[in-house]
Amino acid sequence: IRHTIPERLDQQRHRHNRGSQGGRPTGFDREHYKKRNTVERAINRLKGFRAVATRYEKRAYIYLGTVALAALMVWLRT
């Protein structure tokens, strides 16, 4: 997901007060921000499982299975 962070109101005022020297406004897309929030919340829920957060497994396919199982448990709980 692309970088998308809303600009603070005081930064908007400062940029507006500087006029043409204030630069271009940041490209904030509300829909991208919502998707980013959804992804971050899902990852944080997965990190609630110790095996996913610490990654003790040496092999990638075992870790992928652990993540899939954790995702399934999160999905069934909701």
C-alpha atoms as a PDB file:
ATOM      1  CA  ILE A   1       0.000   0.000   0.000  1.00  0.00           C
ATOM      2  CA  ARG A   2       1.331   3.412  -0.935  1.00  0.00           C
ATOM      3  CA  HIS A   3       2.450   5.911   1.671  1.00  0.00           C
ATOM      4  CA  THR A   4      -0.656   7.828   2.784  1.00  0.00           C
ATOM      5  CA  ILE A   5      -0.737   9.961   5.904  1.00  0.00           C
ATOM      6  CA  PRO A   6      -3.157  12.841   6.465  1.00  0.00           C
ATOM      7  CA  GLU A   7      -1.619  16.288   6.754  1.00  0.00           C
ATOM      8  CA  ARG A   8      -2.042  18.030  10.101  1.00  0.00           C
ATOM      9  CA  LEU A   9      -4.158  21.172  10.202  1.00  0.00           C
ATOM     10  CA  ASP A  10      -1.311  23.380  11.457  1.00  0.00           C
ATOM     11  CA  GLN A  11       0.879  22.201   8.562  1.00  0.00           C
ATOM     12  CA  GLN A  12      -1.916  23.060   6.130  1.00  0.00           C
ATOM     13  CA  ARG A  13      -2.163  26.573   7.610  1.00  0.00           C
ATOM     14  CA  HIS A  14       1.607  27.122   7.437  1.00  0.00           C
ATOM     15  CA  ARG A  15       1.720  25.952   3.829  1.00  0.00           C
ATOM     16  CA  HIS A  16      -1.231  28.196   2.939  1.00  0.00           C
ATOM     17  CA  ASN A  17       0.347  31.219   4.679  1.00  0.00           C
ATOM     18  CA  ARG A  18       3.593  30.785   2.736  1.00  0.00           C
ATOM     19  CA  GLY A  19       1.721  31.054  -0.554  1.00  0.00           C
ATOM     20  CA  SER A  20       3.616  29.902  -3.622  1.00  0.00           C
ATOM     21  CA  GLN A  21       6.657  29.061  -1.445  1.00  0.00           C
ATOM     22  CA  GLY A  22       4.583  26.668   0.649  1.00  0.00           C
ATOM     23  CA  GLY A  23       4.955  23.740  -1.695  1.00  0.00           C
ATOM     24  CA  ARG A  24       2.482  21.234  -2.972  1.00  0.00           C
ATOM     25  CA  PRO A  25      -0.098  19.633  -0.666  1.00  0.00           C
ATOM     26  CA  THR A  26       0.465  16.005   0.231  1.00  0.00           C
ATOM     27  CA  GLY A  27      -1.384  13.400  -1.780  1.00  0.00           C
ATOM     28  CA  PHE A  28      -3.825  12.049   0.778  1.00  0.00           C
ATOM     29  CA  ASP A  29      -6.360   9.493  -0.411  1.00  0.00           C
ATOM     30  CA  ARG A  30      -9.024   8.623   2.140  1.00  0.00           C
ATOM     31  CA  GLU A  31      -9.831   5.243   0.536  1.00  0.00           C
ATOM     32  CA  HIS A  32      -6.161   4.140   0.596  1.00  0.00           C
ATOM     33  CA  TYR A  33      -5.971   5.228   4.229  1.00  0.00           C
ATOM     34  CA  LYS A  34      -8.990   3.052   5.112  1.00  0.00           C
ATOM     35  CA  LYS A  35      -7.424   0.045   3.384  1.00  0.00           C
ATOM     36  CA  ARG A  36      -4.123   0.631   5.156  1.00  0.00           C
ATOM     37  CA  ASN A  37      -5.919   0.736   8.508  1.00  0.00           C
ATOM     38  CA  THR A  38      -7.687  -2.547   7.740  1.00  0.00           C
ATOM     39  CA  VAL A  39      -4.409  -4.262   6.844  1.00  0.00           C
ATOM     40  CA  GLU A  40      -2.626  -2.945   9.945  1.00  0.00           C
ATOM     41  CA  ARG A  41      -5.449  -4.105  12.226  1.00  0.00           C
ATOM     42  CA  ALA A  42      -5.418  -7.571  10.643  1.00  0.00           C
ATOM     43  CA  ILE A  43      -1.645  -7.885  11.131  1.00  0.00           C
ATOM     44  CA  ASN A  44      -1.955  -6.795  14.756  1.00  0.00           C
ATOM     45  CA  ARG A  45      -4.605  -9.451  15.343  1.00  0.00           C
ATOM     46  CA  LEU A  46      -2.303 -12.084  13.858  1.00  0.00           C
ATOM     47  CA  LYS A  47       0.516 -10.903  16.107  1.00  0.00           C
ATOM     48  CA  GLY A  48      -1.666 -11.851  19.063  1.00  0.00           C
ATOM     49  CA  PHE A  49      -0.568 -15.408  18.361  1.00  0.00           C
ATOM     50  CA  ARG A  50       2.881 -15.966  19.833  1.00  0.00           C
ATOM     51  CA  ALA A  51       4.028 -18.345  17.097  1.00  0.00           C
ATOM     52  CA  VAL A  52       3.246 -15.745  14.425  1.00  0.00           C
ATOM     53  CA  ALA A  53       4.757 -12.798  16.289  1.00  0.00           C
ATOM     54  CA  THR A  54       8.047 -14.472  17.220  1.00  0.00           C
ATOM     55  CA  ARG A  55       8.495 -16.819  14.231  1.00  0.00           C
ATOM     56  CA  TYR A  56      10.303 -19.704  15.859  1.00  0.00           C
ATOM     57  CA  GLU A  57       9.884 -21.995  12.834  1.00  0.00           C
ATOM     58  CA  LYS A  58      12.905 -22.386  10.596  1.00  0.00           C
ATOM     59  CA  ARG A  59      11.054 -23.386   7.446  1.00  0.00           C
ATOM     60  CA  ALA A  60       8.883 -20.931   5.517  1.00  0.00           C
ATOM     61  CA  TYR A  61       6.135 -23.436   4.697  1.00  0.00           C
ATOM     62  CA  ILE A  62       5.638 -24.260   8.362  1.00  0.00           C
ATOM     63  CA  TYR A  63       5.426 -20.558   9.210  1.00  0.00           C
ATOM     64  CA  LEU A  64       2.929 -20.050   6.369  1.00  0.00           C
ATOM     65  CA  GLY A  65       0.799 -22.848   7.812  1.00  0.00           C
ATOM     66  CA  THR A  66       0.970 -21.189  11.242  1.00  0.00           C
ATOM     67  CA  VAL A  67      -0.145 -17.871   9.771  1.00  0.00           C
ATOM     68  CA  ALA A  68      -2.972 -19.583   7.871  1.00  0.00           C
ATOM     69  CA  LEU A  69      -4.150 -21.319  11.038  1.00  0.00           C
ATOM     70  CA  ALA A  70      -4.026 -18.054  13.005  1.00  0.00           C
ATOM     71  CA  ALA A  71      -5.934 -16.249  10.245  1.00  0.00           C
ATOM     72  CA  LEU A  72      -8.560 -18.996  10.277  1.00  0.00           C
ATOM     73  CA  MET A  73      -8.946 -18.689  14.050  1.00  0.00           C
ATOM     74  CA  VAL A  74      -9.280 -14.895  13.802  1.00  0.00           C
ATOM     75  CA  TRP A  75     -11.851 -15.279  11.042  1.00  0.00           C
ATOM     76  CA  LEU A  76     -13.895 -17.823  13.022  1.00  0.00           C
ATOM     77  CA  ARG A  77     -13.878 -15.622  16.126  1.00  0.00           C
ATOM     78  CA  THR A  78     -15.337 -12.653  14.259  1.00  0.00           C
END
